[in-house]
N, C-alpha and C. Protein backbone atom coordinates (compact mmCIF):
# COMPACT_ATOMS: atom_id res chain seq x y z
N MET A 1 91.23 52.76 118.47
CA MET A 1 92.61 52.87 118.91
C MET A 1 93.43 51.77 118.24
N TYR A 2 94.55 52.14 117.65
CA TYR A 2 95.42 51.19 116.96
C TYR A 2 96.49 50.68 117.89
N LYS A 3 96.99 49.51 117.59
CA LYS A 3 98.01 48.90 118.44
C LYS A 3 99.36 49.52 118.17
N LEU A 4 99.92 50.11 119.19
CA LEU A 4 101.26 50.67 119.14
C LEU A 4 102.16 49.67 119.83
N THR A 5 102.93 48.91 119.06
CA THR A 5 103.78 47.86 119.61
C THR A 5 105.04 48.45 120.23
N PHE A 6 105.60 49.46 119.56
CA PHE A 6 106.87 50.05 119.99
C PHE A 6 106.67 51.53 120.32
N LEU A 7 106.86 51.88 121.57
CA LEU A 7 106.70 53.26 122.01
C LEU A 7 107.80 54.14 121.42
N PRO A 8 107.50 55.37 121.09
CA PRO A 8 108.53 56.25 120.52
C PRO A 8 109.48 56.76 121.59
N PHE A 9 110.66 57.15 121.15
CA PHE A 9 111.56 57.92 122.00
C PHE A 9 111.14 59.37 121.84
N VAL A 10 110.81 60.01 122.93
CA VAL A 10 110.39 61.42 122.89
C VAL A 10 111.39 62.22 123.73
N GLY A 11 112.20 63.02 123.06
CA GLY A 11 113.17 63.84 123.77
C GLY A 11 112.49 64.78 124.75
N LYS A 12 113.16 65.06 125.85
CA LYS A 12 112.53 65.87 126.91
C LYS A 12 112.20 67.29 126.44
N ASN A 13 112.84 67.76 125.36
CA ASN A 13 112.57 69.11 124.85
C ASN A 13 111.78 69.09 123.54
N TYR A 14 111.28 67.92 123.14
CA TYR A 14 110.56 67.81 121.87
C TYR A 14 109.36 68.75 121.81
N ASN A 15 108.54 68.75 122.85
CA ASN A 15 107.28 69.51 122.80
C ASN A 15 107.47 71.01 122.60
N ASN A 16 108.59 71.56 123.09
CA ASN A 16 108.81 72.99 122.90
C ASN A 16 109.72 73.28 121.70
N GLY A 17 110.01 72.26 120.91
CA GLY A 17 110.82 72.44 119.71
C GLY A 17 112.32 72.32 119.94
N GLY A 18 112.73 72.24 121.21
CA GLY A 18 114.14 72.06 121.53
C GLY A 18 115.03 73.04 120.81
N MET A 19 116.22 72.59 120.45
CA MET A 19 117.23 73.46 119.85
C MET A 19 116.89 73.87 118.42
N PHE A 20 115.88 73.23 117.81
CA PHE A 20 115.53 73.53 116.43
C PHE A 20 114.32 74.46 116.30
N GLY A 21 113.61 74.66 117.41
CA GLY A 21 112.45 75.54 117.38
C GLY A 21 111.24 74.95 116.67
N LYS A 22 111.30 73.66 116.34
CA LYS A 22 110.19 72.95 115.70
C LYS A 22 110.12 71.54 116.27
N ARG A 23 108.90 71.00 116.31
CA ARG A 23 108.74 69.60 116.74
C ARG A 23 109.09 68.71 115.54
N ILE A 24 110.21 67.99 115.66
CA ILE A 24 110.72 67.16 114.57
C ILE A 24 110.58 65.69 114.94
N MET A 25 109.87 64.95 114.07
CA MET A 25 109.78 63.50 114.20
C MET A 25 110.76 62.89 113.21
N VAL A 26 111.62 62.02 113.70
CA VAL A 26 112.51 61.26 112.85
C VAL A 26 111.85 59.90 112.68
N LEU A 27 111.59 59.51 111.43
CA LEU A 27 110.83 58.30 111.15
C LEU A 27 111.73 57.23 110.57
N GLY A 28 112.03 56.23 111.41
CA GLY A 28 112.80 55.07 110.96
C GLY A 28 111.86 54.01 110.43
N ASP A 29 112.43 52.94 109.92
CA ASP A 29 111.64 51.89 109.28
C ASP A 29 111.19 50.81 110.26
N SER A 30 112.15 50.15 110.92
CA SER A 30 111.77 48.94 111.67
C SER A 30 112.79 48.56 112.72
N HIS A 31 112.33 47.69 113.60
CA HIS A 31 113.20 46.99 114.55
C HIS A 31 113.29 45.55 114.09
N TYR A 32 114.30 44.86 114.56
CA TYR A 32 114.38 43.43 114.26
C TYR A 32 114.76 42.65 115.51
N GLY A 33 114.39 41.39 115.51
CA GLY A 33 114.62 40.51 116.64
C GLY A 33 113.55 39.45 116.69
N SER A 34 113.39 38.82 117.86
CA SER A 34 112.41 37.74 117.96
C SER A 34 111.32 38.00 119.00
N VAL A 35 111.59 38.86 119.98
CA VAL A 35 110.60 39.13 121.02
C VAL A 35 110.29 40.62 121.05
N PRO A 36 109.06 41.03 120.67
CA PRO A 36 108.72 42.45 120.69
C PRO A 36 108.78 43.02 122.12
N GLN A 37 109.45 44.14 122.27
CA GLN A 37 109.54 44.82 123.55
C GLN A 37 109.08 46.25 123.36
N PRO A 38 108.04 46.67 124.07
CA PRO A 38 107.47 48.00 123.85
C PRO A 38 108.47 49.15 123.95
N ASN A 39 109.49 49.01 124.80
CA ASN A 39 110.44 50.10 125.03
C ASN A 39 111.70 50.02 124.17
N ILE A 40 111.71 49.15 123.16
CA ILE A 40 112.95 48.95 122.40
C ILE A 40 113.46 50.24 121.76
N THR A 41 112.59 51.06 121.22
CA THR A 41 113.03 52.31 120.59
C THR A 41 113.69 53.21 121.64
N ARG A 42 113.06 53.32 122.77
CA ARG A 42 113.61 54.14 123.85
C ARG A 42 114.93 53.57 124.35
N ASP A 43 114.99 52.23 124.46
CA ASP A 43 116.24 51.59 124.91
C ASP A 43 117.38 51.82 123.93
N VAL A 44 117.10 51.71 122.62
CA VAL A 44 118.13 51.91 121.60
C VAL A 44 118.71 53.32 121.72
N LEU A 45 117.86 54.33 121.83
CA LEU A 45 118.37 55.70 121.97
C LEU A 45 119.07 55.89 123.31
N GLY A 46 118.58 55.22 124.34
CA GLY A 46 119.25 55.29 125.64
C GLY A 46 120.66 54.72 125.58
N TRP A 47 120.82 53.58 124.90
CA TRP A 47 122.16 53.00 124.74
C TRP A 47 123.05 53.92 123.93
N TYR A 48 122.50 54.46 122.87
CA TYR A 48 123.29 55.35 122.03
C TYR A 48 123.79 56.56 122.82
N LEU A 49 122.93 57.13 123.64
CA LEU A 49 123.29 58.35 124.37
C LEU A 49 124.11 58.10 125.64
N ASP A 50 124.17 56.86 126.09
CA ASP A 50 124.91 56.52 127.31
C ASP A 50 126.41 56.47 127.00
N GLN A 51 127.17 57.39 127.55
CA GLN A 51 128.60 57.47 127.27
C GLN A 51 129.38 56.29 127.86
N ASN A 52 128.75 55.53 128.76
CA ASN A 52 129.42 54.38 129.36
C ASN A 52 129.23 53.10 128.55
N VAL A 53 128.43 53.17 127.50
CA VAL A 53 128.21 52.01 126.65
C VAL A 53 129.26 52.02 125.54
N GLU A 54 129.89 50.86 125.32
CA GLU A 54 130.90 50.75 124.27
C GLU A 54 130.25 51.02 122.91
N ARG A 55 130.92 51.82 122.08
CA ARG A 55 130.41 52.16 120.76
C ARG A 55 130.33 50.93 119.86
N GLU A 56 129.20 50.80 119.16
CA GLU A 56 128.99 49.70 118.21
C GLU A 56 128.69 50.30 116.84
N GLY A 57 128.87 49.49 115.80
CA GLY A 57 128.71 49.96 114.43
C GLY A 57 127.36 50.58 114.13
N TRP A 58 126.27 49.99 114.67
CA TRP A 58 124.93 50.51 114.37
C TRP A 58 124.73 51.94 114.87
N MET A 59 125.54 52.35 115.84
CA MET A 59 125.39 53.68 116.40
C MET A 59 125.79 54.78 115.41
N ASN A 60 126.57 54.41 114.38
CA ASN A 60 126.97 55.39 113.37
C ASN A 60 125.77 55.95 112.61
N THR A 61 124.71 55.16 112.51
CA THR A 61 123.49 55.63 111.86
C THR A 61 122.97 56.88 112.57
N PHE A 62 122.89 56.83 113.89
CA PHE A 62 122.40 57.95 114.68
C PHE A 62 123.39 59.12 114.65
N LEU A 63 124.68 58.78 114.69
CA LEU A 63 125.71 59.80 114.67
C LEU A 63 125.68 60.60 113.37
N LYS A 64 125.65 59.91 112.22
CA LYS A 64 125.63 60.60 110.92
C LYS A 64 124.37 61.46 110.80
N PHE A 65 123.24 60.92 111.25
CA PHE A 65 122.01 61.70 111.14
C PHE A 65 122.06 62.96 111.99
N GLU A 66 122.49 62.83 113.24
CA GLU A 66 122.51 64.03 114.09
C GLU A 66 123.44 65.09 113.52
N ARG A 67 124.54 64.66 112.91
CA ARG A 67 125.46 65.61 112.30
C ARG A 67 124.81 66.34 111.13
N SER A 68 123.91 65.66 110.43
CA SER A 68 123.23 66.32 109.32
C SER A 68 122.26 67.39 109.81
N LEU A 69 121.87 67.33 111.05
CA LEU A 69 120.98 68.36 111.61
C LEU A 69 121.74 69.63 111.97
N VAL A 70 123.01 69.47 112.38
CA VAL A 70 123.78 70.63 112.85
C VAL A 70 124.96 70.98 111.95
N ASN A 71 125.26 70.14 110.95
CA ASN A 71 126.32 70.36 109.97
C ASN A 71 127.70 70.49 110.58
N ARG A 72 127.98 69.61 111.53
CA ARG A 72 129.32 69.58 112.12
C ARG A 72 129.50 68.28 112.88
N GLU A 73 130.73 67.96 113.20
CA GLU A 73 130.98 66.80 114.04
C GLU A 73 130.41 67.11 115.42
N THR A 74 129.90 66.07 116.06
CA THR A 74 129.22 66.27 117.33
C THR A 74 129.95 65.55 118.46
N THR A 75 129.75 66.07 119.65
CA THR A 75 130.28 65.47 120.87
C THR A 75 129.16 64.71 121.56
N PRO A 76 129.48 63.88 122.56
CA PRO A 76 128.40 63.21 123.31
C PRO A 76 127.42 64.21 123.93
N LYS A 77 127.91 65.36 124.37
CA LYS A 77 127.01 66.38 124.92
C LYS A 77 126.07 66.90 123.83
N ASP A 78 126.62 67.14 122.63
CA ASP A 78 125.79 67.57 121.50
C ASP A 78 124.72 66.53 121.21
N SER A 79 125.12 65.26 121.21
CA SER A 79 124.18 64.17 120.92
C SER A 79 122.97 64.22 121.84
N CYS A 80 123.22 64.40 123.12
CA CYS A 80 122.12 64.48 124.09
C CYS A 80 121.20 65.65 123.80
N GLU A 81 121.79 66.81 123.51
CA GLU A 81 120.96 67.99 123.23
C GLU A 81 120.14 67.79 121.95
N ILE A 82 120.76 67.22 120.93
CA ILE A 82 120.07 67.01 119.66
C ILE A 82 118.91 66.04 119.83
N TRP A 83 119.19 64.83 120.37
CA TRP A 83 118.15 63.80 120.46
C TRP A 83 117.07 64.17 121.47
N ASN A 84 117.42 64.98 122.47
CA ASN A 84 116.39 65.44 123.41
C ASN A 84 115.49 66.50 122.79
N SER A 85 115.82 66.95 121.58
CA SER A 85 114.98 67.89 120.84
C SER A 85 114.08 67.18 119.83
N LEU A 86 114.21 65.86 119.72
CA LEU A 86 113.54 65.09 118.66
C LEU A 86 112.60 64.03 119.21
N LEU A 87 111.76 63.53 118.32
CA LEU A 87 110.97 62.33 118.58
C LEU A 87 111.42 61.31 117.54
N PHE A 88 111.76 60.10 117.98
CA PHE A 88 112.16 59.05 117.06
C PHE A 88 111.15 57.91 117.15
N TYR A 89 110.66 57.50 115.98
CA TYR A 89 109.61 56.48 115.91
C TYR A 89 109.90 55.57 114.73
N ASN A 90 109.83 54.26 114.95
CA ASN A 90 109.95 53.32 113.84
C ASN A 90 108.56 52.99 113.34
N TYR A 91 108.37 53.14 112.03
CA TYR A 91 107.05 53.01 111.41
C TYR A 91 106.43 51.62 111.56
N LEU A 92 107.16 50.58 111.19
CA LEU A 92 106.59 49.23 111.26
C LEU A 92 106.37 48.81 112.70
N GLN A 93 105.21 48.28 112.97
CA GLN A 93 104.85 47.87 114.32
C GLN A 93 104.94 46.35 114.50
N VAL A 94 105.80 45.73 113.71
CA VAL A 94 106.15 44.31 113.84
C VAL A 94 107.66 44.20 113.78
N LEU A 95 108.20 43.15 114.40
CA LEU A 95 109.64 42.90 114.31
C LEU A 95 109.97 42.21 113.00
N LEU A 96 111.08 42.59 112.40
CA LEU A 96 111.60 41.88 111.23
C LEU A 96 112.71 40.95 111.71
N ASP A 97 113.10 40.01 110.85
CA ASP A 97 114.10 39.01 111.26
C ASP A 97 115.51 39.55 111.38
N GLY A 98 115.86 40.55 110.55
CA GLY A 98 117.23 41.05 110.60
C GLY A 98 117.36 42.39 109.91
N PRO A 99 118.57 43.00 110.01
CA PRO A 99 118.79 44.31 109.39
C PRO A 99 118.68 44.23 107.88
N ARG A 100 118.29 45.34 107.28
CA ARG A 100 118.14 45.50 105.83
C ARG A 100 117.04 44.63 105.24
N GLU A 101 116.25 44.00 106.09
CA GLU A 101 115.10 43.23 105.61
C GLU A 101 113.93 44.19 105.41
N ALA A 102 113.17 43.96 104.37
CA ALA A 102 112.00 44.80 104.09
C ALA A 102 110.75 44.16 104.68
N GLY A 103 109.86 44.99 105.18
CA GLY A 103 108.56 44.51 105.60
C GLY A 103 107.71 44.20 104.37
N THR A 104 106.62 43.50 104.59
CA THR A 104 105.71 43.21 103.48
C THR A 104 104.80 44.41 103.25
N GLU A 105 104.19 44.43 102.08
CA GLU A 105 103.24 45.50 101.78
C GLU A 105 102.13 45.54 102.83
N GLN A 106 101.67 44.37 103.26
CA GLN A 106 100.61 44.31 104.27
C GLN A 106 101.09 44.85 105.62
N GLN A 107 102.33 44.56 106.00
CA GLN A 107 102.85 45.06 107.27
C GLN A 107 102.91 46.59 107.28
N TYR A 108 103.28 47.17 106.14
CA TYR A 108 103.28 48.63 106.06
C TYR A 108 101.85 49.17 106.16
N LYS A 109 100.93 48.54 105.47
CA LYS A 109 99.52 48.98 105.54
C LYS A 109 98.98 48.84 106.96
N ASP A 110 99.30 47.74 107.61
CA ASP A 110 98.79 47.50 108.97
C ASP A 110 99.36 48.48 109.99
N SER A 111 100.46 49.13 109.69
CA SER A 111 101.09 50.08 110.62
C SER A 111 100.61 51.51 110.43
N ALA A 112 99.81 51.75 109.40
CA ALA A 112 99.37 53.12 109.09
C ALA A 112 98.52 53.73 110.21
N GLY A 113 97.60 52.95 110.78
CA GLY A 113 96.74 53.49 111.82
C GLY A 113 97.51 53.99 113.02
N ALA A 114 98.50 53.21 113.47
CA ALA A 114 99.33 53.63 114.61
C ALA A 114 100.13 54.88 114.25
N PHE A 115 100.60 54.96 113.01
CA PHE A 115 101.35 56.13 112.56
C PHE A 115 100.50 57.39 112.64
N PHE A 116 99.28 57.34 112.12
CA PHE A 116 98.41 58.51 112.17
C PHE A 116 98.03 58.85 113.61
N GLN A 117 97.90 57.84 114.44
CA GLN A 117 97.65 58.07 115.87
C GLN A 117 98.82 58.85 116.47
N MET A 118 100.05 58.48 116.10
CA MET A 118 101.24 59.20 116.57
C MET A 118 101.21 60.66 116.12
N LEU A 119 100.86 60.87 114.85
CA LEU A 119 100.82 62.25 114.34
C LEU A 119 99.80 63.08 115.10
N ASP A 120 98.62 62.52 115.32
CA ASP A 120 97.58 63.25 116.05
C ASP A 120 98.00 63.55 117.49
N HIS A 121 98.69 62.62 118.11
CA HIS A 121 99.08 62.80 119.52
C HIS A 121 100.27 63.76 119.68
N TYR A 122 101.31 63.57 118.86
CA TYR A 122 102.54 64.34 119.04
C TYR A 122 102.65 65.56 118.15
N ARG A 123 101.81 65.68 117.13
CA ARG A 123 101.69 66.86 116.29
C ARG A 123 103.03 67.44 115.84
N PRO A 124 103.84 66.65 115.15
CA PRO A 124 105.12 67.20 114.69
C PRO A 124 104.90 68.31 113.66
N ASP A 125 105.88 69.18 113.55
CA ASP A 125 105.88 70.20 112.50
C ASP A 125 106.57 69.65 111.25
N VAL A 126 107.57 68.81 111.48
CA VAL A 126 108.37 68.24 110.39
C VAL A 126 108.60 66.76 110.68
N ILE A 127 108.52 65.93 109.62
CA ILE A 127 108.91 64.53 109.71
C ILE A 127 110.06 64.32 108.74
N ILE A 128 111.14 63.73 109.23
CA ILE A 128 112.27 63.37 108.38
C ILE A 128 112.26 61.85 108.25
N VAL A 129 111.97 61.38 107.04
CA VAL A 129 111.81 59.95 106.77
C VAL A 129 113.17 59.37 106.38
N TRP A 130 113.56 58.28 107.05
CA TRP A 130 114.82 57.61 106.76
C TRP A 130 114.63 56.58 105.66
N GLY A 131 114.99 56.92 104.44
CA GLY A 131 115.09 55.94 103.37
C GLY A 131 113.95 55.92 102.38
N LYS A 132 114.32 55.61 101.13
CA LYS A 132 113.35 55.54 100.03
C LYS A 132 112.38 54.38 100.20
N ARG A 133 112.83 53.25 100.74
CA ARG A 133 111.92 52.11 100.91
C ARG A 133 110.75 52.48 101.81
N LEU A 134 111.05 53.13 102.93
CA LEU A 134 109.97 53.56 103.82
C LEU A 134 109.11 54.60 103.13
N TRP A 135 109.74 55.57 102.46
CA TRP A 135 109.00 56.61 101.77
C TRP A 135 107.96 56.02 100.83
N LYS A 136 108.37 55.03 100.05
CA LYS A 136 107.47 54.43 99.06
C LYS A 136 106.34 53.63 99.71
N ASN A 137 106.49 53.29 100.98
CA ASN A 137 105.47 52.49 101.67
C ASN A 137 104.64 53.29 102.67
N LEU A 138 104.85 54.60 102.73
CA LEU A 138 104.04 55.42 103.63
C LEU A 138 102.60 55.48 103.13
N PRO A 139 101.66 55.68 104.05
CA PRO A 139 100.26 55.83 103.62
C PRO A 139 100.07 57.20 102.97
N TRP A 140 99.25 57.27 101.95
CA TRP A 140 99.04 58.52 101.25
C TRP A 140 97.68 59.13 101.56
N ASP A 141 97.05 58.69 102.64
CA ASP A 141 95.81 59.33 103.12
C ASP A 141 96.18 60.72 103.64
N ASN A 142 95.31 61.68 103.40
CA ASN A 142 95.51 63.05 103.90
C ASN A 142 96.85 63.64 103.45
N TRP A 143 97.30 63.23 102.27
CA TRP A 143 98.61 63.63 101.74
C TRP A 143 98.46 64.74 100.72
N ILE A 144 99.37 65.69 100.79
CA ILE A 144 99.46 66.76 99.79
C ILE A 144 100.89 66.73 99.26
N GLU A 145 101.01 66.55 97.95
CA GLU A 145 102.34 66.49 97.34
C GLU A 145 103.02 67.84 97.47
N GLY A 146 104.32 67.83 97.79
CA GLY A 146 105.08 69.06 97.90
C GLY A 146 105.54 69.56 96.55
N ALA A 147 105.81 70.84 96.46
CA ALA A 147 106.36 71.42 95.24
C ALA A 147 107.74 70.83 94.99
N PRO A 148 108.13 70.68 93.73
CA PRO A 148 109.46 70.13 93.45
C PRO A 148 110.56 70.96 94.11
N VAL A 149 111.48 70.27 94.76
CA VAL A 149 112.63 70.90 95.38
C VAL A 149 113.87 70.15 94.90
N THR A 150 114.84 70.88 94.38
CA THR A 150 116.08 70.27 93.91
C THR A 150 117.24 70.87 94.70
N VAL A 151 118.11 69.99 95.21
CA VAL A 151 119.29 70.42 95.94
C VAL A 151 120.50 69.78 95.25
N ASP A 152 121.40 70.60 94.76
CA ASP A 152 122.59 70.13 94.04
C ASP A 152 122.24 69.13 92.95
N GLY A 153 121.19 69.42 92.21
CA GLY A 153 120.80 68.60 91.07
C GLY A 153 119.95 67.38 91.40
N GLU A 154 119.69 67.12 92.67
CA GLU A 154 118.87 65.96 93.06
C GLU A 154 117.50 66.42 93.54
N GLU A 155 116.45 65.82 92.95
CA GLU A 155 115.10 66.15 93.38
C GLU A 155 114.80 65.44 94.69
N ILE A 156 114.22 66.18 95.62
CA ILE A 156 113.98 65.68 96.97
C ILE A 156 112.50 65.35 97.15
N ASP A 157 112.20 64.12 97.57
CA ASP A 157 110.83 63.73 97.85
C ASP A 157 110.32 64.50 99.06
N ASN A 158 109.14 65.11 98.91
CA ASN A 158 108.59 65.88 100.02
C ASN A 158 107.09 66.07 99.85
N GLY A 159 106.45 66.47 100.91
CA GLY A 159 105.03 66.75 100.89
C GLY A 159 104.54 67.11 102.28
N TYR A 160 103.23 66.93 102.49
CA TYR A 160 102.61 67.30 103.76
C TYR A 160 101.54 66.27 104.12
N TYR A 161 101.41 66.00 105.41
CA TYR A 161 100.22 65.33 105.92
C TYR A 161 99.34 66.42 106.53
N LYS A 162 98.06 66.35 106.22
CA LYS A 162 97.11 67.30 106.81
C LYS A 162 96.33 66.55 107.89
N LEU A 163 96.48 67.00 109.14
CA LEU A 163 95.80 66.36 110.25
C LEU A 163 94.34 66.79 110.29
N SER A 164 93.54 66.09 111.08
CA SER A 164 92.09 66.32 111.10
C SER A 164 91.71 67.75 111.49
N ASP A 165 92.57 68.42 112.26
CA ASP A 165 92.28 69.80 112.67
C ASP A 165 92.90 70.84 111.72
N GLY A 166 93.48 70.36 110.59
CA GLY A 166 94.06 71.26 109.61
C GLY A 166 95.56 71.49 109.77
N HIS A 167 96.14 71.01 110.87
CA HIS A 167 97.59 71.17 111.08
C HIS A 167 98.34 70.48 109.95
N MET A 168 99.28 71.20 109.33
CA MET A 168 100.06 70.66 108.22
C MET A 168 101.43 70.21 108.75
N VAL A 169 101.77 68.96 108.44
CA VAL A 169 103.03 68.38 108.87
C VAL A 169 103.93 68.26 107.64
N ARG A 170 105.04 68.96 107.63
CA ARG A 170 105.98 68.93 106.51
C ARG A 170 106.74 67.61 106.55
N VAL A 171 106.89 66.94 105.41
CA VAL A 171 107.55 65.64 105.36
C VAL A 171 108.62 65.67 104.28
N VAL A 172 109.81 65.18 104.61
CA VAL A 172 110.92 65.11 103.66
C VAL A 172 111.61 63.76 103.80
N CYS A 173 112.06 63.23 102.68
CA CYS A 173 112.76 61.95 102.67
C CYS A 173 114.26 62.18 102.49
N VAL A 174 115.06 61.55 103.35
CA VAL A 174 116.52 61.55 103.21
C VAL A 174 116.95 60.11 102.98
N TYR A 175 118.16 59.93 102.47
CA TYR A 175 118.70 58.56 102.40
C TYR A 175 118.78 58.00 103.80
N HIS A 176 118.71 56.69 103.90
CA HIS A 176 118.86 56.09 105.23
C HIS A 176 120.29 56.32 105.71
N PRO A 177 120.46 56.85 106.92
CA PRO A 177 121.81 57.20 107.37
C PRO A 177 122.73 56.01 107.66
N SER A 178 122.24 54.79 107.52
CA SER A 178 123.10 53.64 107.80
C SER A 178 124.15 53.43 106.71
N VAL A 179 123.86 53.83 105.46
CA VAL A 179 124.82 53.65 104.36
C VAL A 179 124.72 54.82 103.37
N GLY A 180 125.82 55.17 102.76
CA GLY A 180 125.81 56.16 101.69
C GLY A 180 125.20 57.50 102.07
N TYR A 181 125.45 57.95 103.28
CA TYR A 181 124.81 59.17 103.79
C TYR A 181 125.89 60.22 104.05
N SER A 182 125.83 61.29 103.29
CA SER A 182 126.76 62.40 103.45
C SER A 182 126.08 63.48 104.29
N TRP A 183 126.48 63.60 105.55
CA TRP A 183 125.72 64.48 106.44
C TRP A 183 125.79 65.94 106.03
N ASP A 184 126.85 66.40 105.38
CA ASP A 184 126.90 67.81 104.98
C ASP A 184 125.91 68.08 103.84
N TYR A 185 125.75 67.11 102.91
CA TYR A 185 124.75 67.29 101.85
C TYR A 185 123.34 67.27 102.43
N TRP A 186 123.06 66.28 103.27
CA TRP A 186 121.70 66.17 103.81
C TRP A 186 121.36 67.32 104.74
N HIS A 187 122.36 67.95 105.32
CA HIS A 187 122.09 69.16 106.11
C HIS A 187 121.47 70.24 105.22
N LYS A 188 122.03 70.41 104.02
CA LYS A 188 121.47 71.41 103.09
C LYS A 188 120.02 71.08 102.75
N VAL A 189 119.76 69.79 102.54
CA VAL A 189 118.39 69.37 102.21
C VAL A 189 117.46 69.64 103.38
N ILE A 190 117.82 69.19 104.56
CA ILE A 190 116.95 69.31 105.73
C ILE A 190 116.66 70.78 106.01
N MET A 191 117.67 71.65 105.89
CA MET A 191 117.45 73.07 106.16
C MET A 191 116.44 73.70 105.20
N ARG A 192 116.33 73.17 103.99
CA ARG A 192 115.35 73.68 103.03
C ARG A 192 113.91 73.44 103.52
N PHE A 193 113.74 72.45 104.39
CA PHE A 193 112.40 72.08 104.83
C PHE A 193 112.12 72.50 106.27
N MET A 194 113.05 73.18 106.89
CA MET A 194 112.83 73.62 108.26
C MET A 194 112.60 75.12 108.29
């Protein structure tokens, strides 16, 4: 059993595929701070979805991403329905010092066991990876490279993880939604893999 430092946010409709009809894992990179808290991922999504919490800049990351799933501007009600259809998990199982900081090669390697444990337990149909940095640091065990896919002239990183029972998990990389993320373009990309 591998150490899972940060519990995932699991939407209440994730297991039945929710509004998308598929179990979708959204894979973020990391948390930052000084004291690891097991529920931080769940708390972050809870704050984001709480309409009584004042909006902060970091919340735009979640807003832009959810819009790329439905290809339209979303309301707080939409946000709840969307995120309750998803599982959100941050790959690195250590805290980093601050935003935009990269983990070490060893930290990514050390987090692989917990990641595969998550895949075996939650059995997603699709994983949407946030950012090229994370993509390049994913473990390539049980990996099958995807056929080339080009959307509007850009080649999209993709492939599959094959679980021990043969279940194939489709994986696609999108730009990190915190910067330079056009939700209408990424909607076209994501739909190609769903």
